[in-house]
C-alpha atoms as a PDB file:
ATOM      1  CA  MET A   1      -9.808 -34.943  -8.768  1.00  0.00           C
ATOM      2  CA  LYS A   2      -9.245 -31.241  -8.278  1.00  0.00           C
ATOM      3  CA  THR A   3      -7.025 -29.565 -10.852  1.00  0.00           C
ATOM      4  CA  THR A   4      -4.723 -26.839  -9.638  1.00  0.00           C
ATOM      5  CA  HIS A   5      -3.227 -24.124 -11.767  1.00  0.00           C
ATOM      6  CA  PRO A   6      -0.258 -22.001 -10.784  1.00  0.00           C
ATOM      7  CA  ILE A   7      -1.156 -18.375 -10.242  1.00  0.00           C
ATOM      8  CA  THR A   8       0.725 -16.470 -12.900  1.00  0.00           C
ATOM      9  CA  SER A   9      -1.150 -13.201 -13.146  1.00  0.00           C
ATOM     10  CA  ILE A  10      -0.951 -11.974  -9.564  1.00  0.00           C
ATOM     11  CA  SER A  11      -0.698  -8.233  -9.302  1.00  0.00           C
ATOM     12  CA  LEU A  12       1.946  -8.062  -6.603  1.00  0.00           C
ATOM     13  CA  ARG A  13       1.053  -4.944  -4.732  1.00  0.00           C
ATOM     14  CA  LYS A  14       3.743  -2.403  -4.027  1.00  0.00           C
ATOM     15  CA  ALA A  15       3.795   0.148  -1.249  1.00  0.00           C
ATOM     16  CA  ALA A  16       3.476   3.725  -2.489  1.00  0.00           C
ATOM     17  CA  VAL A  17       4.661   5.504   0.668  1.00  0.00           C
ATOM     18  CA  ASN A  18       5.618   2.857   3.273  1.00  0.00           C
ATOM     19  CA  THR A  19       8.982   2.224   1.670  1.00  0.00           C
ATOM     20  CA  GLU A  20      11.591   3.401   4.214  1.00  0.00           C
ATOM     21  CA  ASP A  21      12.544   2.835   7.835  1.00  0.00           C
ATOM     22  CA  ARG A  22      10.673   5.204  10.135  1.00  0.00           C
ATOM     23  CA  ASP A  23      12.741   6.178  13.185  1.00  0.00           C
ATOM     24  CA  GLY A  24      13.078   2.707  14.684  1.00  0.00           C
ATOM     25  CA  LEU A  25       9.402   1.827  14.324  1.00  0.00           C
ATOM     26  CA  PRO A  26       8.695  -1.797  13.446  1.00  0.00           C
ATOM     27  CA  ASN A  27       8.604  -2.540   9.739  1.00  0.00           C
ATOM     28  CA  VAL A  28       5.157  -4.087   9.303  1.00  0.00           C
ATOM     29  CA  HIS A  29       5.457  -6.190   6.142  1.00  0.00           C
ATOM     30  CA  GLY A  30       1.796  -7.041   5.704  1.00  0.00           C
ATOM     31  CA  LEU A  31      -1.324  -8.482   7.179  1.00  0.00           C
ATOM     32  CA  HIS A  32      -0.991 -11.928   8.722  1.00  0.00           C
ATOM     33  CA  HIS A  33      -4.704 -12.368   9.450  1.00  0.00           C
ATOM     34  CA  TRP A  34      -7.839 -10.466  10.333  1.00  0.00           C
ATOM     35  CA  ALA A  35     -10.326 -12.452  12.412  1.00  0.00           C
ATOM     36  CA  PHE A  36     -14.119 -12.266  12.658  1.00  0.00           C
ATOM     37  CA  ARG A  37     -16.897 -14.220  14.271  1.00  0.00           C
ATOM     38  CA  CYS A  38     -18.952 -16.699  12.250  1.00  0.00           C
ATOM     39  CA  ARG A  39     -22.100 -18.599  13.138  1.00  0.00           C
ATOM     40  CA  ASP A  40     -21.119 -21.872  11.464  1.00  0.00           C
ATOM     41  CA  SER A  41     -17.605 -22.775  10.367  1.00  0.00           C
ATOM     42  CA  GLU A  42     -18.800 -25.120   7.596  1.00  0.00           C
ATOM     43  CA  GLU A  43     -21.213 -22.522   6.153  1.00  0.00           C
ATOM     44  CA  THR A  44     -18.389 -19.988   6.247  1.00  0.00           C
ATOM     45  CA  ARG A  45     -15.951 -22.469   4.686  1.00  0.00           C
ATOM     46  CA  HIS A  46     -18.364 -23.154   1.851  1.00  0.00           C
ATOM     47  CA  PHE A  47     -18.778 -19.453   1.074  1.00  0.00           C
ATOM     48  CA  TYR A  48     -15.112 -18.450   1.243  1.00  0.00           C
ATOM     49  CA  GLU A  49     -13.618 -21.588  -0.301  1.00  0.00           C
ATOM     50  CA  ASP A  50     -16.238 -22.921  -2.724  1.00  0.00           C
ATOM     51  CA  ILE A  51     -17.776 -19.633  -3.890  1.00  0.00           C
ATOM     52  CA  LEU A  52     -15.097 -16.971  -3.355  1.00  0.00           C
ATOM     53  CA  GLY A  53     -12.170 -19.306  -4.092  1.00  0.00           C
ATOM     54  CA  LEU A  54     -10.025 -18.786  -0.980  1.00  0.00           C
ATOM     55  CA  PRO A  55      -8.543 -22.134   0.099  1.00  0.00           C
ATOM     56  CA  LEU A  56      -9.032 -23.298   3.658  1.00  0.00           C
ATOM     57  CA  ALA A  57      -5.448 -23.180   4.937  1.00  0.00           C
ATOM     58  CA  ALA A  58      -5.798 -24.104   8.608  1.00  0.00           C
ATOM     59  CA  ALA A  59      -8.329 -25.066  11.246  1.00  0.00           C
ATOM     60  CA  VAL A  60      -7.827 -25.510  14.971  1.00  0.00           C
ATOM     61  CA  PHE A  61     -10.069 -26.346  17.914  1.00  0.00           C
ATOM     62  CA  HIS A  62      -9.421 -25.020  21.403  1.00  0.00           C
ATOM     63  CA  GLU A  63     -11.399 -25.302  24.601  1.00  0.00           C
ATOM     64  CA  ARG A  64      -9.410 -22.486  26.200  1.00  0.00           C
ATOM     65  CA  VAL A  65      -8.235 -19.200  24.705  1.00  0.00           C
ATOM     66  CA  PRO A  66      -4.424 -19.531  24.461  1.00  0.00           C
ATOM     67  CA  SER A  67      -3.708 -15.923  25.466  1.00  0.00           C
ATOM     68  CA  THR A  68      -6.034 -15.697  28.514  1.00  0.00           C
ATOM     69  CA  GLN A  69      -6.793 -19.360  29.348  1.00  0.00           C
ATOM     70  CA  GLU A  70     -10.498 -18.390  29.462  1.00  0.00           C
ATOM     71  CA  TYR A  71     -12.783 -21.375  28.895  1.00  0.00           C
ATOM     72  CA  CYS A  72     -14.499 -20.796  25.539  1.00  0.00           C
ATOM     73  CA  PRO A  73     -14.578 -23.758  23.127  1.00  0.00           C
ATOM     74  CA  TYR A  74     -14.174 -22.654  19.505  1.00  0.00           C
ATOM     75  CA  TYR A  75     -13.012 -23.503  16.029  1.00  0.00           C
ATOM     76  CA  HIS A  76     -10.602 -21.043  14.409  1.00  0.00           C
ATOM     77  CA  ILE A  77     -10.432 -21.303  10.608  1.00  0.00           C
ATOM     78  CA  PHE A  78      -8.095 -19.544   8.179  1.00  0.00           C
ATOM     79  CA  PHE A  79      -8.467 -18.848   4.444  1.00  0.00           C
ATOM     80  CA  GLU A  80      -5.332 -17.934   2.512  1.00  0.00           C
ATOM     81  CA  LEU A  81      -5.081 -15.039   0.079  1.00  0.00           C
ATOM     82  CA  ALA A  82      -2.610 -15.216  -2.819  1.00  0.00           C
ATOM     83  CA  ASP A  83      -0.122 -12.964  -0.998  1.00  0.00           C
ATOM     84  CA  GLY A  84       0.101 -15.430   1.916  1.00  0.00           C
ATOM     85  CA  SER A  85      -2.107 -13.461   4.328  1.00  0.00           C
ATOM     86  CA  TYR A  86      -5.307 -14.848   5.820  1.00  0.00           C
ATOM     87  CA  ILE A  87      -8.913 -14.068   6.659  1.00  0.00           C
ATOM     88  CA  ALA A  88      -9.826 -15.948   9.814  1.00  0.00           C
ATOM     89  CA  PHE A  89     -13.041 -16.776  11.652  1.00  0.00           C
ATOM     90  CA  PHE A  90     -14.000 -17.934  15.127  1.00  0.00           C
ATOM     91  CA  ASP A  91     -16.944 -20.318  15.445  1.00  0.00           C
ATOM     92  CA  LEU A  92     -17.925 -20.191  19.146  1.00  0.00           C
ATOM     93  CA  LEU A  93     -20.331 -23.113  18.585  1.00  0.00           C
ATOM     94  CA  ASP A  94     -23.345 -21.047  19.695  1.00  0.00           C
ATOM     95  CA  GLY A  95     -24.894 -20.265  16.284  1.00  0.00           C
ATOM     96  CA  LYS A  96     -24.349 -16.519  16.672  1.00  0.00           C
ATOM     97  CA  SER A  97     -22.710 -14.513  13.915  1.00  0.00           C
ATOM     98  CA  TYR A  98     -21.092 -11.127  13.545  1.00  0.00           C
ATOM     99  CA  ILE A  99     -23.303  -8.379  15.003  1.00  0.00           C
ATOM    100  CA  PRO A 100     -22.939  -4.962  13.361  1.00  0.00           C
ATOM    101  CA  ASP A 101     -22.863  -1.847  15.508  1.00  0.00           C
ATOM    102  CA  PRO A 102     -26.411  -0.408  15.423  1.00  0.00           C
ATOM    103  CA  ASP A 103     -25.033   3.164  15.383  1.00  0.00           C
ATOM    104  CA  THR A 104     -22.921   2.524  12.281  1.00  0.00           C
ATOM    105  CA  PRO A 105     -24.331   2.449   8.728  1.00  0.00           C
ATOM    106  CA  SER A 106     -24.337  -1.067   7.248  1.00  0.00           C
ATOM    107  CA  TRP A 107     -22.086   0.009   4.359  1.00  0.00           C
ATOM    108  CA  LEU A 108     -19.306   1.341   6.603  1.00  0.00           C
ATOM    109  CA  HIS A 109     -17.624  -1.709   8.189  1.00  0.00           C
ATOM    110  CA  HIS A 110     -16.377  -3.947   5.423  1.00  0.00           C
ATOM    111  CA  MET A 111     -13.356  -5.868   4.250  1.00  0.00           C
ATOM    112  CA  ALA A 112     -11.992  -5.104   0.791  1.00  0.00           C
ATOM    113  CA  LEU A 113      -9.928  -7.762  -0.956  1.00  0.00           C
ATOM    114  CA  GLU A 114      -7.932  -6.997  -4.092  1.00  0.00           C
ATOM    115  CA  VAL A 115      -8.197  -9.083  -7.250  1.00  0.00           C
ATOM    116  CA  ASP A 116      -5.640  -9.059 -10.058  1.00  0.00           C
ATOM    117  CA  SER A 117      -7.695  -7.770 -12.993  1.00  0.00           C
ATOM    118  CA  ARG A 118     -10.959  -6.271 -14.180  1.00  0.00           C
ATOM    119  CA  GLN A 119     -11.808  -9.673 -15.672  1.00  0.00           C
ATOM    120  CA  SER A 120     -11.326 -11.318 -12.260  1.00  0.00           C
ATOM    121  CA  LEU A 121     -13.700  -8.751 -10.758  1.00  0.00           C
ATOM    122  CA  GLU A 122     -16.315  -9.473 -13.443  1.00  0.00           C
ATOM    123  CA  ASP A 123     -15.853 -13.240 -13.017  1.00  0.00           C
ATOM    124  CA  ALA A 124     -16.254 -12.975  -9.233  1.00  0.00           C
ATOM    125  CA  LYS A 125     -19.441 -10.957  -9.643  1.00  0.00           C
ATOM    126  CA  ALA A 126     -20.903 -13.582 -11.997  1.00  0.00           C
ATOM    127  CA  ARG A 127     -19.879 -16.446  -9.686  1.00  0.00           C
ATOM    128  CA  LEU A 128     -21.385 -14.763  -6.604  1.00  0.00           C
ATOM    129  CA  GLU A 129     -24.631 -13.976  -8.409  1.00  0.00           C
ATOM    130  CA  ALA A 130     -24.844 -17.564  -9.713  1.00  0.00           C
ATOM    131  CA  ALA A 131     -24.597 -18.701  -6.073  1.00  0.00           C
ATOM    132  CA  GLY A 132     -27.548 -16.459  -5.158  1.00  0.00           C
ATOM    133  CA  VAL A 133     -25.525 -13.665  -3.559  1.00  0.00           C
ATOM    134  CA  ASP A 134     -26.779 -10.104  -4.132  1.00  0.00           C
ATOM    135  CA  VAL A 135     -23.936  -8.033  -5.600  1.00  0.00           C
ATOM    136  CA  LEU A 136     -23.760  -4.244  -5.916  1.00  0.00           C
ATOM    137  CA  GLY A 137     -21.532  -2.870  -8.657  1.00  0.00           C
ATOM    138  CA  ILE A 138     -19.124  -2.757 -10.454  1.00  0.00           C
ATOM    139  CA  VAL A 139     -18.661   0.682  -8.863  1.00  0.00           C
ATOM    140  CA  PRO A 140     -15.928   3.004 -10.236  1.00  0.00           C
ATOM    141  CA  HIS A 141     -14.121   4.954  -7.478  1.00  0.00           C
ATOM    142  CA  GLY A 142     -11.622   6.776  -9.670  1.00  0.00           C
ATOM    143  CA  TRP A 143      -8.588   4.829  -8.466  1.00  0.00           C
ATOM    144  CA  PHE A 144     -10.185   1.396  -8.131  1.00  0.00           C
ATOM    145  CA  ASP A 145     -13.342  -0.423  -9.241  1.00  0.00           C
ATOM    146  CA  SER A 146     -15.239  -2.676  -6.867  1.00  0.00           C
ATOM    147  CA  ILE A 147     -18.218  -4.888  -6.104  1.00  0.00           C
ATOM    148  CA  TYR A 148     -19.998  -5.209  -2.744  1.00  0.00           C
ATOM    149  CA  PHE A 149     -21.844  -8.116  -1.132  1.00  0.00           C
ATOM    150  CA  PHE A 150     -22.541  -9.696   2.254  1.00  0.00           C
ATOM    151  CA  ASP A 151     -21.089 -12.992   3.477  1.00  0.00           C
ATOM    152  CA  PRO A 152     -23.282 -15.566   5.311  1.00  0.00           C
ATOM    153  CA  ASN A 153     -22.394 -13.928   8.646  1.00  0.00           C
ATOM    154  CA  GLY A 154     -23.760 -10.509   7.656  1.00  0.00           C
ATOM    155  CA  MET A 155     -20.319  -8.993   7.044  1.00  0.00           C
ATOM    156  CA  ARG A 156     -20.064  -6.600   4.128  1.00  0.00           C
ATOM    157  CA  MET A 157     -17.329  -7.570   1.708  1.00  0.00           C
ATOM    158  CA  GLU A 158     -15.783  -5.766  -1.234  1.00  0.00           C
ATOM    159  CA  LEU A 159     -13.665  -7.045  -4.087  1.00  0.00           C
ATOM    160  CA  VAL A 160     -11.427  -4.398  -5.656  1.00  0.00           C
ATOM    161  CA  HIS A 161      -9.450  -4.051  -8.852  1.00  0.00           C
ATOM    162  CA  ARG A 162      -6.944  -1.222  -8.556  1.00  0.00           C
ATOM    163  CA  THR A 163      -6.908   1.076 -11.597  1.00  0.00           C
ATOM    164  CA  ALA A 164      -4.437   3.734 -10.395  1.00  0.00           C
ATOM    165  CA  SER A 165      -0.726   3.643 -11.151  1.00  0.00           C
ATOM    166  CA  LEU A 166       1.905   3.642  -8.428  1.00  0.00           C
ATOM    167  CA  ASP A 167       2.659   7.307  -9.242  1.00  0.00           C
ATOM    168  CA  ALA A 168      -1.026   8.178  -8.883  1.00  0.00           C
ATOM    169  CA  MET A 169      -1.046   6.472  -5.479  1.00  0.00           C
ATOM    170  CA  LYS A 170       1.988   8.518  -4.415  1.00  0.00           C
ATOM    171  CA  ASP A 171       0.112  11.680  -5.442  1.00  0.00           C
ATOM    172  CA  LYS A 172      -2.885  10.602  -3.336  1.00  0.00           C
ATOM    173  CA  ALA A 173      -0.574  10.113  -0.356  1.00  0.00           C
ATOM    174  CA  ARG A 174       0.914  13.597  -0.811  1.00  0.00           C
ATOM    175  CA  GLN A 175      -2.578  15.134  -0.831  1.00  0.00           C
ATOM    176  CA  ALA A 176      -3.990  13.149   2.105  1.00  0.00           C
ATOM    177  CA  ARG A 177      -2.817  15.375   4.993  1.00  0.00           C
ATOM    178  CA  GLU A 178      -3.992  18.512   3.198  1.00  0.00           C
ATOM    179  CA  LEU A 179      -7.442  17.010   2.727  1.00  0.00           C
ATOM    180  CA  LEU A 180      -7.686  16.016   6.405  1.00  0.00           C
ATOM    181  CA  ALA A 181      -6.601  19.505   7.496  1.00  0.00           C
ATOM    182  CA  HIS A 182      -9.962  20.764   6.181  1.00  0.00           C
ATOM    183  CA  ARG A 183     -11.937  18.535   8.562  1.00  0.00           C
ATOM    184  CA  PRO A 184     -12.861  21.241  11.140  1.00  0.00           C
ATOM    185  CA  ALA A 185     -14.112  23.545   8.375  1.00  0.00           C
ATOM    186  CA  LYS A 186     -16.101  20.682   6.808  1.00  0.00           C
ATOM    187  CA  ILE A 187     -17.776  19.888  10.139  1.00  0.00           C
ATOM    188  CA  ALA A 188     -18.737  23.561  10.561  1.00  0.00           C
ATOM    189  CA  GLU A 189     -20.099  23.650   7.002  1.00  0.00           C
ATOM    190  CA  LEU A 190     -22.227  20.537   7.544  1.00  0.00           C
ATOM    191  CA  LYS A 191     -23.584  21.869  10.847  1.00  0.00           C
ATOM    192  CA  ALA A 192     -24.503  25.169   9.189  1.00  0.00           C
ATOM    193  CA  ARG A 193     -26.296  23.312   6.381  1.00  0.00           C
ATOM    194  CA  ALA A 194     -28.206  21.158   8.863  1.00  0.00           C
ATOM    195  CA  ALA A 195     -29.299  24.232  10.834  1.00  0.00           C
ATOM    196  CA  ALA A 196     -30.573  26.061   7.741  1.00  0.00           C
END
């Protein structure tokens, strides 16, 4: 019999800058789900539920896509995060998995999920490695620490423990536009370096 424990140490994330109405724009409260392709729904379930610890929250089978009515039989599976959002996968029953863009570095496209403590990050790393998953890190980024690994579908994943305070995050937000304003000069600098 599976024992369940109430989650008592969740770090409930707080918005640093998305805290007020913005001229009638919709107030997006959070992520409902982000969906990816998987090659085998059971293999994916085993990884996300049994190794990573995200419970399988829903599974559906459709022969037609509800939005377009296109014929394309698939399973759609959902794994719940502690904040009530989901990671979802489509198994198109053809054995094909996520295909990365060949013009994009393999480290670029990834999904980062937040854990509640440094200990949780260390525990996840140990659990993944015990399951035979190659793990990079713990990598310090200054405002969060993280580990990196690939899921069975070839998707790069990251687990993050935030180390910055809410005030530090507000400071980062204030500096973000200024940093991006330097983009044209940075491109020119990199081109000049490459030409030298």
